[in-house]
Amino acid sequence: MTTFLIDDDSLSNYLTETLLKMEDFSSDIRTFEAADEALAELVQQPEQARVVFLDLHMPLMSGWEFLDALAPYRSRLLGNCRIYILTSSLALEDLTRSHGYDLVAGLIHKPIDSGEIRAIQAAMAPADLT
């Protein structure tokens, strides 16, 4: 399984990647500071198993724009891609809006912790994303 970290904050990416490695979350962790770069790679092989940690507030392409851009690939991504919004925003509107995207598996407030990573691992059935 491949994990994408999409956040314009390099420190946030570093901390999340370090924690994911400590928890043996994924064998392949890719970091992106621009959502459009991650999008280009993701849609090349939408059937590949991936977990995505996505920041919402980024320049050029926001997390919401990233999610909207996935719409044409939705049927090929479902079952293969889980997206977790990883945000510092405490806005209730973000949580409510995230429910409109069936690829979004959850919203996590930064910084992510070991317990949340273990909960994500536990939520993934053995047949999912392998």
N, C-alpha and C. Protein backbone atom coordinates (compact mmCIF):
# COMPACT_ATOMS: atom_id res chain seq x y z
N MET A 1 0.84 -1.18 0.00
CA MET A 1 0.00 0.00 0.00
C MET A 1 0.89 1.24 0.00
N THR A 2 0.47 2.21 -0.77
CA THR A 2 1.17 3.48 -0.85
C THR A 2 0.40 4.53 -0.06
N THR A 3 1.13 5.37 0.65
CA THR A 3 0.52 6.46 1.41
C THR A 3 0.98 7.77 0.82
N PHE A 4 0.01 8.66 0.56
CA PHE A 4 0.30 10.01 0.08
C PHE A 4 0.07 10.98 1.23
N LEU A 5 1.04 11.84 1.47
CA LEU A 5 0.89 12.97 2.39
C LEU A 5 0.85 14.22 1.53
N ILE A 6 -0.26 14.94 1.56
CA ILE A 6 -0.41 16.12 0.73
C ILE A 6 -0.64 17.32 1.64
N ASP A 7 0.40 18.15 1.76
CA ASP A 7 0.35 19.30 2.64
C ASP A 7 1.45 20.27 2.21
N ASP A 8 1.12 21.55 2.12
CA ASP A 8 2.12 22.53 1.71
C ASP A 8 3.11 22.85 2.82
N ASP A 9 2.88 22.33 4.01
CA ASP A 9 3.76 22.56 5.15
C ASP A 9 4.74 21.39 5.27
N SER A 10 6.00 21.63 4.91
CA SER A 10 6.99 20.54 4.90
C SER A 10 7.22 19.98 6.30
N LEU A 11 7.14 20.80 7.33
CA LEU A 11 7.31 20.30 8.70
C LEU A 11 6.18 19.35 9.07
N SER A 12 4.97 19.69 8.71
CA SER A 12 3.83 18.82 8.97
C SER A 12 4.01 17.48 8.25
N ASN A 13 4.45 17.53 7.00
CA ASN A 13 4.70 16.30 6.25
C ASN A 13 5.77 15.46 6.94
N TYR A 14 6.83 16.11 7.37
CA TYR A 14 7.93 15.39 8.03
C TYR A 14 7.44 14.71 9.30
N LEU A 15 6.71 15.44 10.13
CA LEU A 15 6.23 14.87 11.40
C LEU A 15 5.26 13.72 11.17
N THR A 16 4.35 13.89 10.21
CA THR A 16 3.38 12.83 9.92
C THR A 16 4.09 11.61 9.34
N GLU A 17 5.02 11.83 8.42
CA GLU A 17 5.76 10.72 7.82
C GLU A 17 6.55 9.96 8.89
N THR A 18 7.20 10.68 9.79
CA THR A 18 7.97 10.04 10.86
C THR A 18 7.07 9.17 11.74
N LEU A 19 5.92 9.68 12.10
CA LEU A 19 4.99 8.92 12.93
C LEU A 19 4.44 7.70 12.19
N LEU A 20 4.12 7.87 10.91
CA LEU A 20 3.63 6.73 10.12
C LEU A 20 4.68 5.63 10.04
N LYS A 21 5.93 6.02 9.88
CA LYS A 21 7.02 5.03 9.83
C LYS A 21 7.18 4.34 11.17
N MET A 22 7.08 5.09 12.26
CA MET A 22 7.20 4.50 13.59
C MET A 22 6.10 3.47 13.85
N GLU A 23 4.93 3.70 13.27
CA GLU A 23 3.79 2.80 13.44
C GLU A 23 3.72 1.72 12.36
N ASP A 24 4.74 1.63 11.49
CA ASP A 24 4.73 0.67 10.37
C ASP A 24 3.43 0.73 9.59
N PHE A 25 3.00 1.95 9.30
CA PHE A 25 1.72 2.15 8.63
C PHE A 25 1.75 1.72 7.17
N SER A 26 2.85 2.02 6.48
CA SER A 26 2.91 1.80 5.04
C SER A 26 4.34 1.55 4.62
N SER A 27 4.49 0.74 3.59
CA SER A 27 5.83 0.46 3.08
C SER A 27 6.32 1.54 2.11
N ASP A 28 5.40 2.36 1.62
CA ASP A 28 5.75 3.39 0.62
C ASP A 28 5.01 4.68 0.97
N ILE A 29 5.75 5.67 1.46
CA ILE A 29 5.16 6.96 1.84
C ILE A 29 5.70 8.02 0.90
N ARG A 30 4.77 8.70 0.21
CA ARG A 30 5.13 9.76 -0.74
C ARG A 30 4.62 11.08 -0.19
N THR A 31 5.45 12.10 -0.19
CA THR A 31 5.01 13.41 0.29
C THR A 31 4.93 14.39 -0.89
N PHE A 32 3.91 15.23 -0.82
CA PHE A 32 3.67 16.24 -1.85
C PHE A 32 3.35 17.56 -1.16
N GLU A 33 3.99 18.62 -1.60
CA GLU A 33 3.67 19.95 -1.09
C GLU A 33 2.72 20.69 -2.02
N ALA A 34 2.37 20.07 -3.11
CA ALA A 34 1.41 20.63 -4.06
C ALA A 34 0.39 19.55 -4.43
N ALA A 35 -0.88 19.87 -4.23
CA ALA A 35 -1.94 18.89 -4.47
C ALA A 35 -2.02 18.47 -5.94
N ASP A 36 -1.73 19.39 -6.85
CA ASP A 36 -1.83 19.03 -8.27
C ASP A 36 -0.81 17.96 -8.66
N GLU A 37 0.35 17.96 -8.02
CA GLU A 37 1.35 16.91 -8.29
C GLU A 37 0.86 15.55 -7.80
N ALA A 38 0.26 15.53 -6.63
CA ALA A 38 -0.28 14.28 -6.09
C ALA A 38 -1.44 13.79 -6.97
N LEU A 39 -2.27 14.72 -7.41
CA LEU A 39 -3.40 14.37 -8.27
C LEU A 39 -2.92 13.70 -9.55
N ALA A 40 -1.92 14.27 -10.17
CA ALA A 40 -1.39 13.71 -11.42
C ALA A 40 -0.91 12.28 -11.23
N GLU A 41 -0.26 12.03 -10.11
CA GLU A 41 0.23 10.67 -9.86
C GLU A 41 -0.91 9.72 -9.48
N LEU A 42 -1.83 10.20 -8.70
CA LEU A 42 -2.94 9.36 -8.23
C LEU A 42 -3.80 8.87 -9.39
N VAL A 43 -4.11 9.73 -10.33
CA VAL A 43 -5.02 9.35 -11.41
C VAL A 43 -4.35 8.51 -12.50
N GLN A 44 -3.01 8.43 -12.49
CA GLN A 44 -2.32 7.58 -13.45
C GLN A 44 -2.66 6.11 -13.23
N GLN A 45 -2.80 5.71 -11.97
CA GLN A 45 -3.13 4.33 -11.62
C GLN A 45 -4.16 4.34 -10.50
N PRO A 46 -5.42 4.69 -10.81
CA PRO A 46 -6.42 4.81 -9.75
C PRO A 46 -6.76 3.49 -9.06
N GLU A 47 -6.44 2.37 -9.67
CA GLU A 47 -6.73 1.08 -9.05
C GLU A 47 -5.70 0.66 -8.00
N GLN A 48 -4.58 1.37 -7.93
CA GLN A 48 -3.54 1.04 -6.95
C GLN A 48 -4.03 1.41 -5.55
N ALA A 49 -3.75 0.56 -4.57
CA ALA A 49 -4.17 0.78 -3.19
C ALA A 49 -3.41 1.95 -2.58
N ARG A 50 -4.18 2.90 -2.05
CA ARG A 50 -3.55 4.09 -1.45
C ARG A 50 -4.36 4.60 -0.27
N VAL A 51 -3.64 5.18 0.68
CA VAL A 51 -4.25 5.97 1.73
C VAL A 51 -3.68 7.37 1.56
N VAL A 52 -4.56 8.37 1.61
CA VAL A 52 -4.15 9.75 1.38
C VAL A 52 -4.47 10.56 2.63
N PHE A 53 -3.48 11.30 3.12
CA PHE A 53 -3.69 12.28 4.18
C PHE A 53 -3.62 13.64 3.49
N LEU A 54 -4.72 14.38 3.53
CA LEU A 54 -4.89 15.57 2.72
C LEU A 54 -5.15 16.81 3.57
N ASP A 55 -4.31 17.81 3.40
CA ASP A 55 -4.55 19.11 4.02
C ASP A 55 -5.60 19.85 3.19
N LEU A 56 -6.38 20.70 3.82
CA LEU A 56 -7.42 21.43 3.09
C LEU A 56 -6.94 22.76 2.54
N HIS A 57 -6.17 23.48 3.32
CA HIS A 57 -5.82 24.86 2.96
C HIS A 57 -4.40 24.93 2.42
N MET A 58 -4.33 24.94 1.08
CA MET A 58 -3.06 25.01 0.37
C MET A 58 -3.19 25.99 -0.79
N PRO A 59 -2.08 26.62 -1.18
CA PRO A 59 -2.14 27.51 -2.34
C PRO A 59 -2.28 26.71 -3.64
N LEU A 60 -2.63 27.35 -4.69
CA LEU A 60 -2.79 26.78 -6.03
C LEU A 60 -3.97 25.82 -6.12
N MET A 61 -3.92 24.71 -5.41
CA MET A 61 -5.03 23.76 -5.39
C MET A 61 -5.31 23.38 -3.94
N SER A 62 -6.49 23.71 -3.47
CA SER A 62 -6.86 23.37 -2.10
C SER A 62 -7.23 21.89 -2.00
N GLY A 63 -7.38 21.43 -0.79
CA GLY A 63 -7.83 20.06 -0.59
C GLY A 63 -9.21 19.81 -1.18
N TRP A 64 -10.09 20.81 -1.07
CA TRP A 64 -11.44 20.68 -1.65
C TRP A 64 -11.35 20.58 -3.18
N GLU A 65 -10.50 21.39 -3.79
CA GLU A 65 -10.33 21.33 -5.25
C GLU A 65 -9.75 19.98 -5.67
N PHE A 66 -8.84 19.45 -4.85
CA PHE A 66 -8.28 18.12 -5.10
C PHE A 66 -9.40 17.07 -5.10
N LEU A 67 -10.24 17.12 -4.08
CA LEU A 67 -11.34 16.16 -4.00
C LEU A 67 -12.30 16.30 -5.18
N ASP A 68 -12.60 17.53 -5.57
CA ASP A 68 -13.47 17.75 -6.72
C ASP A 68 -12.85 17.21 -8.01
N ALA A 69 -11.54 17.35 -8.14
CA ALA A 69 -10.84 16.87 -9.34
C ALA A 69 -10.83 15.35 -9.43
N LEU A 70 -11.07 14.66 -8.33
CA LEU A 70 -11.12 13.20 -8.35
C LEU A 70 -12.45 12.65 -8.85
N ALA A 71 -13.46 13.51 -8.96
CA ALA A 71 -14.80 13.05 -9.34
C ALA A 71 -14.84 12.17 -10.59
N PRO A 72 -14.13 12.50 -11.67
CA PRO A 72 -14.19 11.64 -12.85
C PRO A 72 -13.58 10.24 -12.63
N TYR A 73 -12.78 10.09 -11.59
CA TYR A 73 -12.10 8.82 -11.32
C TYR A 73 -12.75 8.06 -10.15
N ARG A 74 -13.82 8.60 -9.62
CA ARG A 74 -14.45 8.10 -8.40
C ARG A 74 -14.70 6.59 -8.44
N SER A 75 -15.31 6.10 -9.50
CA SER A 75 -15.67 4.68 -9.54
C SER A 75 -14.43 3.79 -9.53
N ARG A 76 -13.34 4.26 -10.11
CA ARG A 76 -12.10 3.46 -10.13
C ARG A 76 -11.33 3.58 -8.82
N LEU A 77 -11.55 4.67 -8.09
CA LEU A 77 -10.85 4.88 -6.82
C LEU A 77 -11.57 4.21 -5.64
N LEU A 78 -12.89 4.12 -5.69
CA LEU A 78 -13.64 3.53 -4.58
C LEU A 78 -13.15 2.12 -4.30
N GLY A 79 -12.89 1.84 -3.06
CA GLY A 79 -12.37 0.53 -2.66
C GLY A 79 -10.86 0.43 -2.74
N ASN A 80 -10.23 1.37 -3.44
CA ASN A 80 -8.78 1.35 -3.59
C ASN A 80 -8.10 2.52 -2.89
N CYS A 81 -8.86 3.54 -2.60
CA CYS A 81 -8.28 4.77 -2.07
C CYS A 81 -9.12 5.28 -0.90
N ARG A 82 -8.47 5.49 0.22
CA ARG A 82 -9.11 6.11 1.39
C ARG A 82 -8.43 7.44 1.64
N ILE A 83 -9.24 8.47 1.79
CA ILE A 83 -8.69 9.80 2.01
C ILE A 83 -9.07 10.25 3.41
N TYR A 84 -8.06 10.67 4.15
CA TYR A 84 -8.26 11.25 5.48
C TYR A 84 -7.85 12.71 5.40
N ILE A 85 -8.79 13.59 5.67
CA ILE A 85 -8.46 15.00 5.73
C ILE A 85 -7.69 15.23 7.02
N LEU A 86 -6.52 15.81 6.89
CA LEU A 86 -5.65 16.10 8.03
C LEU A 86 -5.50 17.62 8.07
N THR A 87 -6.18 18.26 9.01
CA THR A 87 -6.28 19.71 8.98
C THR A 87 -6.13 20.33 10.36
N SER A 88 -5.70 21.55 10.38
CA SER A 88 -5.65 22.31 11.63
C SER A 88 -6.94 23.08 11.84
N SER A 89 -7.81 23.06 10.86
CA SER A 89 -9.09 23.77 10.94
C SER A 89 -10.01 23.11 11.97
N LEU A 90 -10.67 23.92 12.75
CA LEU A 90 -11.66 23.42 13.71
C LEU A 90 -13.07 23.75 13.25
N ALA A 91 -13.21 24.20 12.01
CA ALA A 91 -14.51 24.62 11.49
C ALA A 91 -15.44 23.42 11.30
N LEU A 92 -16.60 23.50 11.89
CA LEU A 92 -17.61 22.45 11.76
C LEU A 92 -18.03 22.28 10.30
N GLU A 93 -17.98 23.37 9.53
CA GLU A 93 -18.35 23.29 8.12
C GLU A 93 -17.44 22.33 7.35
N ASP A 94 -16.17 22.25 7.74
CA ASP A 94 -15.25 21.34 7.06
C ASP A 94 -15.67 19.89 7.29
N LEU A 95 -16.03 19.55 8.50
CA LEU A 95 -16.49 18.19 8.79
C LEU A 95 -17.76 17.90 8.02
N THR A 96 -18.70 18.83 8.05
CA THR A 96 -19.97 18.65 7.34
C THR A 96 -19.72 18.49 5.84
N ARG A 97 -18.90 19.34 5.28
CA ARG A 97 -18.61 19.28 3.84
C ARG A 97 -17.91 17.98 3.47
N SER A 98 -17.04 17.48 4.34
CA SER A 98 -16.29 16.26 4.03
C SER A 98 -17.22 15.06 3.85
N HIS A 99 -18.39 15.09 4.48
CA HIS A 99 -19.34 13.98 4.34
C HIS A 99 -19.91 13.88 2.93
N GLY A 100 -19.76 14.92 2.14
CA GLY A 100 -20.24 14.91 0.76
C GLY A 100 -19.32 14.17 -0.21
N TYR A 101 -18.19 13.71 0.27
CA TYR A 101 -17.21 13.01 -0.56
C TYR A 101 -17.08 11.58 -0.06
N ASP A 102 -17.55 10.62 -0.86
CA ASP A 102 -17.50 9.23 -0.39
C ASP A 102 -16.10 8.64 -0.36
N LEU A 103 -15.13 9.30 -0.96
CA LEU A 103 -13.74 8.84 -0.86
C LEU A 103 -13.11 9.26 0.47
N VAL A 104 -13.72 10.22 1.17
CA VAL A 104 -13.19 10.69 2.44
C VAL A 104 -13.63 9.73 3.55
N ALA A 105 -12.64 9.12 4.18
CA ALA A 105 -12.91 8.15 5.24
C ALA A 105 -12.96 8.81 6.62
N GLY A 106 -12.44 10.03 6.73
CA GLY A 106 -12.46 10.70 8.02
C GLY A 106 -11.76 12.03 7.98
N LEU A 107 -11.97 12.80 9.04
CA LEU A 107 -11.31 14.09 9.21
C LEU A 107 -10.56 14.04 10.54
N ILE A 108 -9.28 14.34 10.49
CA ILE A 108 -8.41 14.28 11.66
C ILE A 108 -7.79 15.65 11.86
N HIS A 109 -7.79 16.11 13.10
CA HIS A 109 -7.17 17.39 13.41
C HIS A 109 -5.67 17.19 13.64
N LYS A 110 -4.88 18.10 13.08
CA LYS A 110 -3.43 18.06 13.26
C LYS A 110 -3.09 18.39 14.70
N PRO A 111 -2.04 17.84 15.19
CA PRO A 111 -1.22 16.80 14.57
C PRO A 111 -1.83 15.42 14.80
N ILE A 112 -1.66 14.54 13.84
CA ILE A 112 -2.14 13.17 13.99
C ILE A 112 -1.30 12.49 15.08
N ASP A 113 -1.89 11.55 15.79
CA ASP A 113 -1.12 10.85 16.82
C ASP A 113 -1.16 9.34 16.59
N SER A 114 -0.37 8.62 17.36
CA SER A 114 -0.25 7.17 17.20
C SER A 114 -1.60 6.47 17.35
N GLY A 115 -2.42 6.92 18.28
CA GLY A 115 -3.72 6.31 18.48
C GLY A 115 -4.61 6.42 17.26
N GLU A 116 -4.58 7.58 16.61
CA GLU A 116 -5.37 7.77 15.39
C GLU A 116 -4.85 6.89 14.25
N ILE A 117 -3.55 6.77 14.16
CA ILE A 117 -2.97 5.90 13.12
C ILE A 117 -3.37 4.46 13.37
N ARG A 118 -3.31 4.00 14.60
CA ARG A 118 -3.72 2.63 14.91
C ARG A 118 -5.20 2.42 14.65
N ALA A 119 -6.01 3.44 14.90
CA ALA A 119 -7.45 3.33 14.63
C ALA A 119 -7.71 3.19 13.13
N ILE A 120 -6.95 3.91 12.32
CA ILE A 120 -7.09 3.79 10.86
C ILE A 120 -6.68 2.39 10.43
N GLN A 121 -5.58 1.90 10.97
CA GLN A 121 -5.12 0.54 10.62
C GLN A 121 -6.18 -0.49 11.01
N ALA A 122 -6.77 -0.34 12.17
CA ALA A 122 -7.79 -1.28 12.64
C ALA A 122 -9.05 -1.22 11.79
N ALA A 123 -9.36 -0.03 11.28
CA ALA A 123 -10.58 0.14 10.48
C ALA A 123 -10.45 -0.48 9.09
N MET A 124 -9.22 -0.65 8.64
CA MET A 124 -9.02 -1.24 7.32
C MET A 124 -9.13 -2.76 7.42
N ALA A 125 -10.13 -3.30 6.78
CA ALA A 125 -10.32 -4.76 6.77
C ALA A 125 -9.14 -5.41 6.07
N PRO A 126 -8.82 -6.66 6.41
CA PRO A 126 -7.67 -7.33 5.78
C PRO A 126 -7.72 -7.32 4.24
N ALA A 127 -8.90 -7.36 3.67
CA ALA A 127 -9.00 -7.38 2.21
C ALA A 127 -8.89 -5.99 1.60
N ASP A 128 -9.03 -4.95 2.41
CA ASP A 128 -8.98 -3.58 1.90
C ASP A 128 -7.56 -3.11 1.68
N LEU A 129 -7.34 -2.42 0.58
CA LEU A 129 -6.09 -1.71 0.30
C LEU A 129 -4.85 -2.56 0.49
N THR A 130 -4.88 -3.74 -0.04
CA THR A 130 -3.69 -4.60 0.03
C THR A 130 -3.02 -4.70 -1.30
